């Protein structure tokens, strides 16, 4: 029984760690590249968690990477 539980926890832990890494990456991107609205984006990414990081990724970061 403990093998099943530990296997499930290990399986569930991987996506959680990936989401945390994504949030840290977006906070790093905000701090490094955002000149205006830096504080606002940090608050959004921190308080809205993954949704905030996704919003930043699809609005600001992709626009900067494309060069628009």
N, C-alpha and C. Protein backbone atom coordinates (compact mmCIF):
# COMPACT_ATOMS: atom_id res chain seq x y z
N UNK A 1 0.81 -1.19 0.00
CA UNK A 1 0.00 0.00 0.00
C UNK A 1 0.86 1.26 0.00
N UNK A 2 1.95 1.25 0.77
CA UNK A 2 2.79 2.43 0.82
C UNK A 2 3.51 2.67 -0.50
N UNK A 3 3.76 1.62 -1.26
CA UNK A 3 4.39 1.79 -2.56
C UNK A 3 3.47 2.53 -3.51
N UNK A 4 2.18 2.24 -3.44
CA UNK A 4 1.20 2.91 -4.29
C UNK A 4 1.12 4.38 -3.93
N UNK A 5 1.06 4.67 -2.65
CA UNK A 5 0.97 6.06 -2.20
C UNK A 5 2.23 6.82 -2.55
N UNK A 6 3.38 6.25 -2.33
CA UNK A 6 4.62 6.95 -2.65
C UNK A 6 4.78 7.12 -4.16
N UNK A 7 4.33 6.15 -4.93
CA UNK A 7 4.37 6.29 -6.39
C UNK A 7 3.45 7.39 -6.86
N UNK A 8 2.27 7.49 -6.26
CA UNK A 8 1.34 8.55 -6.62
C UNK A 8 1.90 9.91 -6.25
N UNK A 9 2.50 10.02 -5.08
CA UNK A 9 3.08 11.30 -4.66
C UNK A 9 4.21 11.71 -5.58
N UNK A 10 5.04 10.77 -5.98
CA UNK A 10 6.12 11.09 -6.90
C UNK A 10 5.56 11.52 -8.25
N UNK A 11 4.51 10.86 -8.70
CA UNK A 11 3.88 11.20 -9.98
C UNK A 11 3.22 12.58 -9.91
N UNK A 12 2.61 12.92 -8.79
CA UNK A 12 1.95 14.20 -8.62
C UNK A 12 2.95 15.32 -8.37
N UNK A 13 4.10 15.00 -7.85
CA UNK A 13 5.09 16.01 -7.51
C UNK A 13 5.75 16.61 -8.75
N UNK A 14 5.90 15.84 -9.79
CA UNK A 14 6.57 16.32 -11.00
C UNK A 14 5.85 17.51 -11.63
N UNK A 15 4.53 17.44 -11.89
CA UNK A 15 3.86 18.62 -12.46
C UNK A 15 3.89 19.83 -11.53
N UNK A 16 3.81 19.59 -10.23
CA UNK A 16 3.85 20.70 -9.28
C UNK A 16 5.21 21.40 -9.35
N UNK A 17 6.28 20.64 -9.41
CA UNK A 17 7.61 21.23 -9.51
C UNK A 17 7.80 21.97 -10.83
N UNK A 18 7.24 21.44 -11.90
CA UNK A 18 7.32 22.12 -13.20
C UNK A 18 6.57 23.44 -13.18
N UNK A 19 5.41 23.48 -12.55
CA UNK A 19 4.66 24.73 -12.45
C UNK A 19 5.39 25.76 -11.60
N UNK A 20 6.00 25.33 -10.53
CA UNK A 20 6.78 26.25 -9.69
C UNK A 20 7.98 26.78 -10.47
N UNK A 21 8.65 25.92 -11.22
CA UNK A 21 9.78 26.36 -12.04
C UNK A 21 9.33 27.37 -13.09
N UNK A 22 8.16 27.15 -13.69
CA UNK A 22 7.62 28.08 -14.68
C UNK A 22 7.35 29.44 -14.05
N UNK A 23 6.78 29.45 -12.86
CA UNK A 23 6.51 30.71 -12.17
C UNK A 23 7.81 31.45 -11.85
N UNK A 24 8.81 30.73 -11.39
CA UNK A 24 10.10 31.36 -11.09
C UNK A 24 10.72 31.92 -12.36
N UNK A 25 10.61 31.19 -13.46
CA UNK A 25 11.14 31.66 -14.75
C UNK A 25 10.43 32.95 -15.17
N UNK A 26 9.11 33.04 -14.99
CA UNK A 26 8.38 34.23 -15.39
C UNK A 26 8.71 35.41 -14.47
N UNK A 27 8.89 35.16 -13.18
CA UNK A 27 9.29 36.24 -12.27
C UNK A 27 10.68 36.75 -12.65
N UNK A 28 11.59 35.85 -12.97
CA UNK A 28 12.93 36.25 -13.43
C UNK A 28 12.83 37.08 -14.70
N UNK A 29 11.99 36.68 -15.63
CA UNK A 29 11.82 37.40 -16.88
C UNK A 29 11.26 38.80 -16.62
N UNK A 30 10.30 38.91 -15.72
CA UNK A 30 9.72 40.21 -15.37
C UNK A 30 10.81 41.12 -14.80
N UNK A 31 11.58 40.61 -13.86
CA UNK A 31 12.60 41.42 -13.20
C UNK A 31 13.68 41.84 -14.20
N UNK A 32 14.05 40.96 -15.09
CA UNK A 32 15.14 41.26 -16.02
C UNK A 32 14.73 42.16 -17.18
N UNK A 33 13.53 41.97 -17.73
CA UNK A 33 13.20 42.62 -18.98
C UNK A 33 12.10 43.68 -18.91
N UNK A 34 11.27 43.68 -17.90
CA UNK A 34 10.18 44.65 -17.84
C UNK A 34 10.69 45.96 -17.27
N UNK A 35 10.55 47.03 -18.01
CA UNK A 35 10.95 48.34 -17.51
C UNK A 35 9.77 49.04 -16.83
N UNK A 36 8.64 49.05 -17.51
CA UNK A 36 7.45 49.65 -16.90
C UNK A 36 6.53 48.52 -16.45
N UNK A 37 5.73 48.79 -15.48
CA UNK A 37 4.77 47.83 -14.93
C UNK A 37 5.46 46.61 -14.30
N UNK A 38 6.70 46.74 -13.90
CA UNK A 38 7.42 45.62 -13.29
C UNK A 38 6.75 45.16 -12.01
N UNK A 39 6.43 46.10 -11.13
CA UNK A 39 5.81 45.74 -9.85
C UNK A 39 4.44 45.11 -10.07
N UNK A 40 3.69 45.64 -11.02
CA UNK A 40 2.36 45.09 -11.31
C UNK A 40 2.46 43.65 -11.79
N UNK A 41 3.39 43.36 -12.70
CA UNK A 41 3.52 42.00 -13.21
C UNK A 41 4.01 41.03 -12.14
N UNK A 42 4.89 41.49 -11.27
CA UNK A 42 5.34 40.61 -10.18
C UNK A 42 4.17 40.28 -9.27
N UNK A 43 3.35 41.27 -8.95
CA UNK A 43 2.18 41.03 -8.10
C UNK A 43 1.23 40.06 -8.78
N UNK A 44 0.99 40.24 -10.08
CA UNK A 44 0.08 39.35 -10.81
C UNK A 44 0.62 37.92 -10.82
N UNK A 45 1.89 37.76 -11.13
CA UNK A 45 2.46 36.40 -11.21
C UNK A 45 2.48 35.74 -9.84
N UNK A 46 2.79 36.49 -8.80
CA UNK A 46 2.86 35.90 -7.46
C UNK A 46 1.47 35.58 -6.92
N UNK A 47 0.53 36.51 -7.05
CA UNK A 47 -0.79 36.30 -6.45
C UNK A 47 -1.68 35.39 -7.28
N UNK A 48 -1.53 35.43 -8.60
CA UNK A 48 -2.39 34.59 -9.45
C UNK A 48 -1.73 33.27 -9.80
N UNK A 49 -0.56 33.03 -9.25
CA UNK A 49 0.16 31.77 -9.42
C UNK A 49 0.33 31.39 -10.89
N UNK A 50 -0.05 30.20 -11.25
CA UNK A 50 0.18 29.70 -12.61
C UNK A 50 -0.61 30.49 -13.64
N UNK A 51 -1.83 30.89 -13.31
CA UNK A 51 -2.64 31.67 -14.25
C UNK A 51 -1.94 33.00 -14.54
N UNK A 52 -1.43 33.66 -13.53
CA UNK A 52 -0.71 34.91 -13.72
C UNK A 52 0.55 34.73 -14.56
N UNK A 53 1.27 33.65 -14.33
CA UNK A 53 2.47 33.37 -15.11
C UNK A 53 2.11 33.10 -16.57
N UNK A 54 1.02 32.38 -16.79
CA UNK A 54 0.58 32.12 -18.17
C UNK A 54 0.13 33.40 -18.86
N UNK A 55 -0.58 34.26 -18.14
CA UNK A 55 -1.00 35.54 -18.72
C UNK A 55 0.22 36.35 -19.13
N UNK A 56 1.21 36.43 -18.26
CA UNK A 56 2.44 37.15 -18.60
C UNK A 56 3.13 36.52 -19.80
N UNK A 57 3.23 35.21 -19.81
CA UNK A 57 3.91 34.52 -20.90
C UNK A 57 3.25 34.80 -22.24
N UNK A 58 1.92 34.70 -22.29
CA UNK A 58 1.23 34.85 -23.57
C UNK A 58 1.02 36.30 -23.99
N UNK A 59 1.16 37.25 -23.08
CA UNK A 59 0.98 38.65 -23.48
C UNK A 59 2.31 39.37 -23.64
N UNK A 60 3.10 39.41 -22.60
CA UNK A 60 4.31 40.22 -22.61
C UNK A 60 5.54 39.51 -23.15
N UNK A 61 5.81 38.34 -22.67
CA UNK A 61 7.05 37.66 -23.07
C UNK A 61 7.04 37.29 -24.54
N UNK A 62 5.95 36.74 -25.01
CA UNK A 62 5.90 36.34 -26.43
C UNK A 62 6.01 37.56 -27.33
N UNK A 63 5.43 38.68 -26.91
CA UNK A 63 5.54 39.90 -27.70
C UNK A 63 6.99 40.37 -27.76
N UNK A 64 7.70 40.30 -26.63
CA UNK A 64 9.10 40.72 -26.59
C UNK A 64 9.98 39.80 -27.42
N UNK A 65 9.74 38.50 -27.35
CA UNK A 65 10.55 37.53 -28.09
C UNK A 65 10.34 37.70 -29.59
N UNK A 66 9.10 37.99 -30.00
CA UNK A 66 8.83 38.20 -31.43
C UNK A 66 9.43 39.51 -31.93
N UNK A 67 9.71 40.43 -31.02
CA UNK A 67 10.30 41.69 -31.40
C UNK A 67 9.29 42.76 -31.74
N UNK A 68 8.06 42.56 -31.34
CA UNK A 68 7.01 43.54 -31.65
C UNK A 68 7.02 44.67 -30.66
